[in-house]
C-alpha atoms as a PDB file:
ATOM      1  CA  MET A   1      95.459  90.779  89.035  1.00  0.00           C
ATOM      2  CA  SER A   2      94.293  88.661  86.443  1.00  0.00           C
ATOM      3  CA  LYS A   3      98.385  87.838  85.981  1.00  0.00           C
ATOM      4  CA  TYR A   4      97.680  85.345  89.174  1.00  0.00           C
ATOM      5  CA  ASN A   5      94.755  83.402  86.797  1.00  0.00           C
ATOM      6  CA  ASP A   6      96.064  80.437  88.849  1.00  0.00           C
ATOM      7  CA  ARG A   7      96.135  81.768  92.156  1.00  0.00           C
ATOM      8  CA  PRO A   8      92.687  83.126  93.448  1.00  0.00           C
ATOM      9  CA  MET A   9      94.091  86.544  94.776  1.00  0.00           C
ATOM     10  CA  ASP A  10      91.742  88.133  96.870  1.00  0.00           C
ATOM     11  CA  PHE A  11      91.282  92.432  96.700  1.00  0.00           C
ATOM     12  CA  ALA A  12      93.348  92.910 100.031  1.00  0.00           C
ATOM     13  CA  ASP A  13      96.592  90.464  98.010  1.00  0.00           C
ATOM     14  CA  ALA A  14      95.497  93.291  95.016  1.00  0.00           C
ATOM     15  CA  SER A  15      96.225  96.191  96.777  1.00  0.00           C
ATOM     16  CA  LEU A  16      99.092  95.542  98.587  1.00  0.00           C
ATOM     17  CA  VAL A  17     101.090  94.494  95.521  1.00  0.00           C
ATOM     18  CA  ALA A  18     100.178  97.224  93.268  1.00  0.00           C
ATOM     19  CA  LEU A  19     101.133  99.821  96.184  1.00  0.00           C
ATOM     20  CA  ALA A  20     104.746  97.600  96.814  1.00  0.00           C
ATOM     21  CA  GLU A  21     104.316  97.904  92.662  1.00  0.00           C
ATOM     22  CA  ARG A  22     104.395 101.377  93.096  1.00  0.00           C
ATOM     23  CA  LEU A  23     106.095 102.270  95.736  1.00  0.00           C
ATOM     24  CA  SER A  24     109.808 100.167  94.462  1.00  0.00           C
ATOM     25  CA  LEU A  25     108.812  98.568  98.229  1.00  0.00           C
ATOM     26  CA  THR A  26     109.795  94.771  97.767  1.00  0.00           C
ATOM     27  CA  LYS A  27     109.611  93.737 101.625  1.00  0.00           C
ATOM     28  CA  ILE A  28     106.077  92.529 102.854  1.00  0.00           C
ATOM     29  CA  PHE A  29     104.965  91.387 106.336  1.00  0.00           C
ATOM     30  CA  THR A  30     102.097  89.341 105.875  1.00  0.00           C
ATOM     31  CA  VAL A  31     100.858  85.162 107.636  1.00  0.00           C
ATOM     32  CA  ASP A  32     100.086  84.613 103.873  1.00  0.00           C
ATOM     33  CA  ARG A  33     103.680  83.253 102.596  1.00  0.00           C
ATOM     34  CA  ASN A  34     101.869  80.850 100.152  1.00  0.00           C
ATOM     35  CA  ASP A  35      99.887  83.546  97.823  1.00  0.00           C
ATOM     36  CA  PHE A  36     102.906  86.048  98.799  1.00  0.00           C
ATOM     37  CA  SER A  37     105.280  83.581  97.356  1.00  0.00           C
ATOM     38  CA  THR A  38     104.086  83.064  94.377  1.00  0.00           C
ATOM     39  CA  TYR A  39     103.019  87.115  93.884  1.00  0.00           C
ATOM     40  CA  ARG A  40     105.582  89.231  92.208  1.00  0.00           C
ATOM     41  CA  ILE A  41     106.479  93.097  92.181  1.00  0.00           C
ATOM     42  CA  GLY A  42     107.146  93.776  88.558  1.00  0.00           C
ATOM     43  CA  ARG A  43     106.387  91.092  86.649  1.00  0.00           C
ATOM     44  CA  LYS A  44     110.522  89.351  88.100  1.00  0.00           C
ATOM     45  CA  THR A  45     111.686  90.147  92.011  1.00  0.00           C
ATOM     46  CA  PRO A  46     109.510  88.058  94.913  1.00  0.00           C
ATOM     47  CA  PHE A  47     108.273  89.922  97.296  1.00  0.00           C
ATOM     48  CA  THR A  48     111.033  89.144 100.799  1.00  0.00           C
ATOM     49  CA  ILE A  49     108.781  87.570 102.867  1.00  0.00           C
ATOM     50  CA  ILE A  50     108.642  89.445 107.232  1.00  0.00           C
ATOM     51  CA  GLY A  51     106.331  87.271 109.587  1.00  0.00           C
ATOM     52  CA  PRO A  52     105.762  84.161 111.178  1.00  0.00           C
END
């Protein structure tokens, strides 16, 4: 969570990012496009956002 200190990350977002990193997932379904377009997997890979 500290690497995103300029954009507050709540516990739910942090849990999803951690789980995606652990399972090597890059696709995520979310309505929170603003935050998840900022988050990265392994510090470099952006999420592929699926959703509205």
